[in-house]
Amino acid sequence: MSDVKDLADRVILITGASRGIGYFTALEAAKRGAHIIAVARTIGGLEELDDEIQDAGGTATLVPLDITEGDKVDQMGGSIFERWGKLDGLIANAGLLGIISPVPHIAPKEVGNVFDVNVIANFRLLRSLDPLLRQSDAGRAVFVSSSSAETGKPFWGLYGATKAAVNAMAKSYASEMEASSVNTNVFYPGAVRTGMRAKAVPGEDPQTIPHPREIVSKLVDMVTPDNQMNGQVFDIRTGAYRPL
């Protein structure tokens, strides 16, 4: 177990928790004392995560869920309220890469699928969980995004557009919450050794980029009560915050 218990007695919900960044973020947050609400589609991955969290002395609640099932996301807030009465942190990590392609070649159905996961699902999560974050003495919402939102990199138009939308939503929500105890920020993980990265850059040697466990401590820092940043993006490549 980690010696740092800066998330003791906190309840943190993490999406996309069955693999990659989400998996190791959940494990790190649990080691730092949080109870984890782990959300993902893959039951096997969630069960492996639960085993690791228990081995580390932590606790988790597993929620097998496709976050595009809007009605179920809408019900999540009520279920969490009944059990805990609050939510201290949301790490909205689940995402879909979509196709790397010239913009005019992308099928409308593909656009819909990627926006459903990366944008609409996050909107519905925020809508469902907002009252719970307000009940916390230090509610924290963090959206895992990408510099693709800003770079306009060729062939990354679909993914970049969804992340730009996430950034805009997070920035507005952060401004709306300025008078509250809820802070909202965005995290840019950079190139990380995940399945999504392997799909996006198939010729890359994975050993040349960081493993998720090497970056997640910075992400977990963003949901601690001591983190007072709001309306900012933390870019792992610079190790610094800047305004959204």
Protein backbone atom coordinates (compact mmCIF):
# COMPACT_ATOMS: atom_id res chain seq x y z
CA MET A 1 0.00 0.00 0.00
CA SER A 2 1.07 3.57 -0.65
CA ASP A 3 2.25 5.59 2.37
CA VAL A 4 0.33 8.58 0.97
CA LYS A 5 -3.34 8.39 1.99
CA ASP A 6 -4.51 11.72 0.56
CA LEU A 7 -7.72 10.07 -0.70
CA ALA A 8 -8.73 8.36 2.55
CA ASP A 9 -12.52 8.13 2.87
CA ARG A 10 -13.02 9.59 -0.63
CA VAL A 11 -15.30 7.98 -3.22
CA ILE A 12 -13.89 8.18 -6.75
CA LEU A 13 -15.63 7.00 -9.93
CA ILE A 14 -13.43 6.02 -12.88
CA THR A 15 -14.68 5.07 -16.34
CA GLY A 16 -12.78 2.78 -18.68
CA ALA A 17 -11.37 1.10 -15.58
CA SER A 18 -10.86 -2.41 -16.98
CA ARG A 19 -7.65 -1.69 -18.88
CA GLY A 20 -4.94 0.84 -19.70
CA ILE A 21 -4.91 4.26 -18.05
CA GLY A 22 -8.22 3.69 -16.28
CA TYR A 23 -7.09 0.40 -14.72
CA PHE A 24 -3.87 1.77 -13.28
CA THR A 25 -5.52 5.03 -12.22
CA ALA A 26 -8.08 3.04 -10.23
CA LEU A 27 -5.36 0.96 -8.61
CA GLU A 28 -3.30 4.04 -7.70
CA ALA A 29 -6.30 5.87 -6.24
CA ALA A 30 -7.27 2.81 -4.20
CA LYS A 31 -3.73 2.54 -2.82
CA ARG A 32 -4.06 6.16 -1.73
CA GLY A 33 -7.17 5.37 0.30
CA ALA A 34 -10.11 5.96 -2.05
CA HIS A 35 -13.05 3.65 -2.49
CA ILE A 36 -13.23 3.10 -6.25
CA ILE A 37 -16.40 2.90 -8.32
CA ALA A 38 -14.92 1.13 -11.35
CA VAL A 39 -16.97 1.44 -14.53
CA ALA A 40 -16.22 -0.49 -17.73
CA ARG A 41 -17.77 -2.87 -20.24
CA THR A 42 -15.31 -5.74 -19.68
CA ILE A 43 -16.28 -7.76 -16.63
CA GLY A 44 -13.08 -9.82 -16.66
CA GLY A 45 -10.91 -6.72 -16.56
CA LEU A 46 -12.95 -5.28 -13.71
CA GLU A 47 -12.59 -8.50 -11.73
CA GLU A 48 -8.81 -8.49 -12.23
CA LEU A 49 -8.74 -4.89 -11.04
CA ASP A 50 -10.81 -5.76 -7.98
CA ASP A 51 -8.40 -8.58 -7.12
CA GLU A 52 -5.42 -6.22 -7.33
CA ILE A 53 -7.15 -3.54 -5.28
CA GLN A 54 -8.06 -6.06 -2.59
CA ASP A 55 -4.50 -7.43 -2.57
CA ALA A 56 -3.33 -3.86 -1.94
CA GLY A 57 -5.77 -3.47 0.95
CA GLY A 58 -8.21 -1.24 -0.90
CA THR A 59 -11.89 -1.48 -1.82
CA ALA A 60 -13.90 -1.13 -5.01
CA THR A 61 -17.41 -1.37 -6.34
CA LEU A 62 -17.60 -2.84 -9.85
CA VAL A 63 -20.07 -1.42 -12.36
CA PRO A 64 -20.14 -3.40 -15.65
CA LEU A 65 -21.65 -0.80 -17.96
CA ASP A 66 -21.44 0.49 -21.51
CA ILE A 67 -21.46 4.25 -20.93
CA THR A 68 -23.35 4.81 -24.17
CA GLU A 69 -26.39 3.26 -22.44
CA GLY A 70 -27.73 6.65 -21.45
CA ASP A 71 -30.64 5.49 -19.32
CA LYS A 72 -28.30 3.45 -17.12
CA VAL A 73 -25.86 6.35 -16.80
CA ASP A 74 -28.78 8.57 -15.79
CA GLN A 75 -29.67 6.10 -13.02
CA MET A 76 -26.11 5.91 -11.72
CA GLY A 77 -26.32 9.16 -9.79
CA GLY A 78 -29.32 8.00 -7.78
CA SER A 79 -27.68 4.68 -6.95
CA ILE A 80 -24.52 6.38 -5.73
CA PHE A 81 -26.55 8.84 -3.65
CA GLU A 82 -28.44 6.03 -1.94
CA ARG A 83 -25.21 4.28 -0.94
CA TRP A 84 -22.75 7.12 -0.25
CA GLY A 85 -24.69 10.38 -0.43
CA LYS A 86 -21.88 12.06 -2.37
CA LEU A 87 -19.13 11.60 -4.94
CA ASP A 88 -15.72 13.11 -4.29
CA GLY A 89 -14.17 12.54 -7.69
CA LEU A 90 -14.97 11.67 -11.29
CA ILE A 91 -12.20 10.58 -13.64
CA ALA A 92 -13.84 10.38 -17.07
CA ASN A 93 -11.28 8.23 -18.83
CA ALA A 94 -13.26 5.95 -21.18
CA GLY A 95 -12.74 6.83 -24.81
CA LEU A 96 -12.88 5.56 -28.36
CA LEU A 97 -10.21 6.27 -30.98
CA GLY A 98 -12.31 5.80 -34.08
CA ILE A 99 -10.76 5.70 -37.51
CA ILE A 100 -7.54 7.53 -38.42
CA SER A 101 -8.55 8.86 -41.83
CA PRO A 102 -9.02 11.94 -44.00
CA VAL A 103 -12.11 13.72 -42.71
CA PRO A 104 -14.16 13.36 -45.93
CA HIS A 105 -13.61 9.60 -45.94
CA ILE A 106 -15.15 8.98 -42.51
CA ALA A 107 -18.58 7.34 -42.50
CA PRO A 108 -21.31 9.24 -40.63
CA LYS A 109 -21.98 6.14 -38.50
CA GLU A 110 -18.35 6.16 -37.34
CA VAL A 111 -18.65 9.82 -36.39
CA GLY A 112 -21.77 9.03 -34.38
CA ASN A 113 -20.12 6.11 -32.57
CA VAL A 114 -17.07 8.10 -31.50
CA PHE A 115 -19.07 11.13 -30.41
CA ASP A 116 -21.43 8.84 -28.46
CA VAL A 117 -18.56 7.52 -26.33
CA ASN A 118 -16.24 10.52 -26.09
CA VAL A 119 -18.75 13.36 -25.83
CA ILE A 120 -22.38 12.35 -25.25
CA ALA A 121 -21.54 9.75 -22.60
CA ASN A 122 -19.37 12.24 -20.71
CA PHE A 123 -22.14 14.83 -20.88
CA ARG A 124 -24.61 12.36 -19.43
CA LEU A 125 -22.14 11.29 -16.74
CA LEU A 126 -21.66 14.89 -15.67
CA ARG A 127 -25.40 15.50 -15.73
CA SER A 128 -26.02 12.43 -13.57
CA LEU A 129 -23.16 13.00 -11.13
CA ASP A 130 -23.19 16.79 -10.74
CA PRO A 131 -25.49 16.79 -7.65
CA LEU A 132 -23.20 14.25 -5.97
CA LEU A 133 -20.04 16.23 -6.68
CA ARG A 134 -21.73 19.26 -5.13
CA GLN A 135 -22.39 17.22 -1.97
CA SER A 136 -18.64 16.67 -1.50
CA ASP A 137 -16.53 19.14 0.47
CA ALA A 138 -14.09 19.05 -2.46
CA GLY A 139 -15.70 17.56 -5.57
CA ARG A 140 -13.26 16.98 -8.39
CA ALA A 141 -14.02 16.18 -12.04
CA VAL A 142 -11.21 15.30 -14.45
CA PHE A 143 -11.65 14.51 -18.12
CA VAL A 144 -8.91 12.54 -19.88
CA SER A 145 -8.47 14.35 -23.18
CA SER A 146 -5.71 14.80 -25.75
CA SER A 147 -3.59 17.45 -27.39
CA SER A 148 -5.31 16.29 -30.60
CA ALA A 149 -8.06 18.67 -29.50
CA GLU A 150 -5.74 21.54 -30.41
CA THR A 151 -3.21 20.35 -32.97
CA GLY A 152 -5.38 19.74 -36.02
CA LYS A 153 -3.10 16.83 -36.91
CA PRO A 154 -3.83 15.31 -40.35
CA PHE A 155 -6.11 12.24 -40.26
CA TRP A 156 -6.92 12.77 -36.56
CA GLY A 157 -9.89 15.05 -37.24
CA LEU A 158 -12.59 12.82 -35.76
CA TYR A 159 -10.79 11.99 -32.52
CA GLY A 160 -9.54 15.57 -32.21
CA ALA A 161 -13.03 16.98 -32.70
CA THR A 162 -14.43 14.86 -29.88
CA LYS A 163 -11.65 15.88 -27.52
CA ALA A 164 -12.11 19.54 -28.44
CA ALA A 165 -15.77 19.14 -27.49
CA VAL A 166 -14.81 17.56 -24.17
CA ASN A 167 -12.41 20.42 -23.45
CA ALA A 168 -15.10 23.01 -24.22
CA MET A 169 -17.61 21.25 -21.97
CA ALA A 170 -15.10 20.96 -19.13
CA LYS A 171 -14.14 24.63 -19.44
CA SER A 172 -17.76 25.78 -19.27
CA TYR A 173 -18.57 23.52 -16.34
CA ALA A 174 -15.47 24.74 -14.49
CA SER A 175 -16.66 28.34 -14.94
CA GLU A 176 -20.16 27.43 -13.78
CA MET A 177 -18.73 25.85 -10.61
CA GLU A 178 -16.41 28.71 -9.62
CA ALA A 179 -18.52 29.64 -6.58
CA SER A 180 -18.78 26.01 -5.44
CA SER A 181 -16.44 23.41 -3.96
CA VAL A 182 -16.33 21.54 -7.31
CA ASN A 183 -13.25 21.92 -9.50
CA THR A 184 -13.00 20.62 -13.07
CA ASN A 185 -9.86 20.04 -15.10
CA VAL A 186 -8.53 18.13 -18.11
CA PHE A 187 -5.61 15.70 -18.30
CA TYR A 188 -3.43 15.14 -21.38
CA PRO A 189 -1.63 11.78 -20.93
CA GLY A 190 0.56 12.06 -24.02
CA ALA A 191 1.76 8.90 -25.75
CA VAL A 192 1.15 5.93 -23.43
CA ARG A 193 1.55 2.18 -23.88
CA THR A 194 -2.12 1.24 -24.34
CA GLY A 195 -4.23 -0.72 -26.79
CA MET A 196 -5.60 2.51 -28.21
CA ARG A 197 -2.10 3.82 -28.87
CA ALA A 198 -1.10 0.55 -30.57
CA LYS A 199 -4.11 0.85 -32.86
CA ALA A 200 -3.36 4.48 -33.68
CA VAL A 201 0.38 4.03 -34.30
CA PRO A 202 0.84 0.32 -35.21
CA GLY A 203 4.50 0.59 -36.20
CA GLU A 204 5.63 2.14 -32.93
CA ASP A 205 7.85 0.21 -30.51
CA PRO A 206 5.74 0.21 -27.30
CA GLN A 207 8.89 0.05 -25.18
CA THR A 208 9.75 3.60 -26.28
CA ILE A 209 6.73 5.16 -24.56
CA PRO A 210 5.64 5.17 -20.90
CA HIS A 211 3.55 2.44 -19.32
CA PRO A 212 0.29 3.77 -17.84
CA ARG A 213 1.52 3.12 -14.30
CA GLU A 214 4.28 5.69 -14.91
CA ILE A 215 1.83 8.57 -15.44
CA VAL A 216 -1.26 7.86 -13.36
CA SER A 217 -0.01 9.39 -10.11
CA LYS A 218 -0.29 12.81 -11.75
CA LEU A 219 -3.84 12.05 -12.82
CA VAL A 220 -4.83 10.88 -9.35
CA ASP A 221 -3.30 14.03 -7.86
CA MET A 222 -5.99 15.98 -9.73
CA VAL A 223 -8.84 14.51 -7.64
CA THR A 224 -7.27 15.18 -4.24
CA PRO A 225 -8.87 17.80 -1.97
CA ASP A 226 -5.58 19.71 -1.91
CA ASN A 227 -5.67 20.31 -5.67
CA GLN A 228 -7.24 23.73 -6.08
CA MET A 229 -6.83 24.03 -9.85
CA ASN A 230 -9.99 24.76 -11.88
CA GLY A 231 -10.51 25.16 -15.61
CA GLN A 232 -6.98 23.97 -16.34
CA VAL A 233 -5.31 21.30 -18.43
CA PHE A 234 -2.42 19.28 -17.02
CA ASP A 235 -0.16 18.13 -19.84
CA ILE A 236 2.05 15.21 -18.83
CA ARG A 237 4.60 16.22 -21.47
CA THR A 238 5.31 19.56 -19.77
CA GLY A 239 4.44 18.50 -16.24
CA ALA A 240 2.50 21.72 -15.80
CA TYR A 241 -0.99 23.21 -15.73
CA ARG A 242 -2.24 25.86 -18.12
CA PRO A 243 -5.67 27.37 -18.71
CA LEU A 244 -8.07 25.49 -20.94
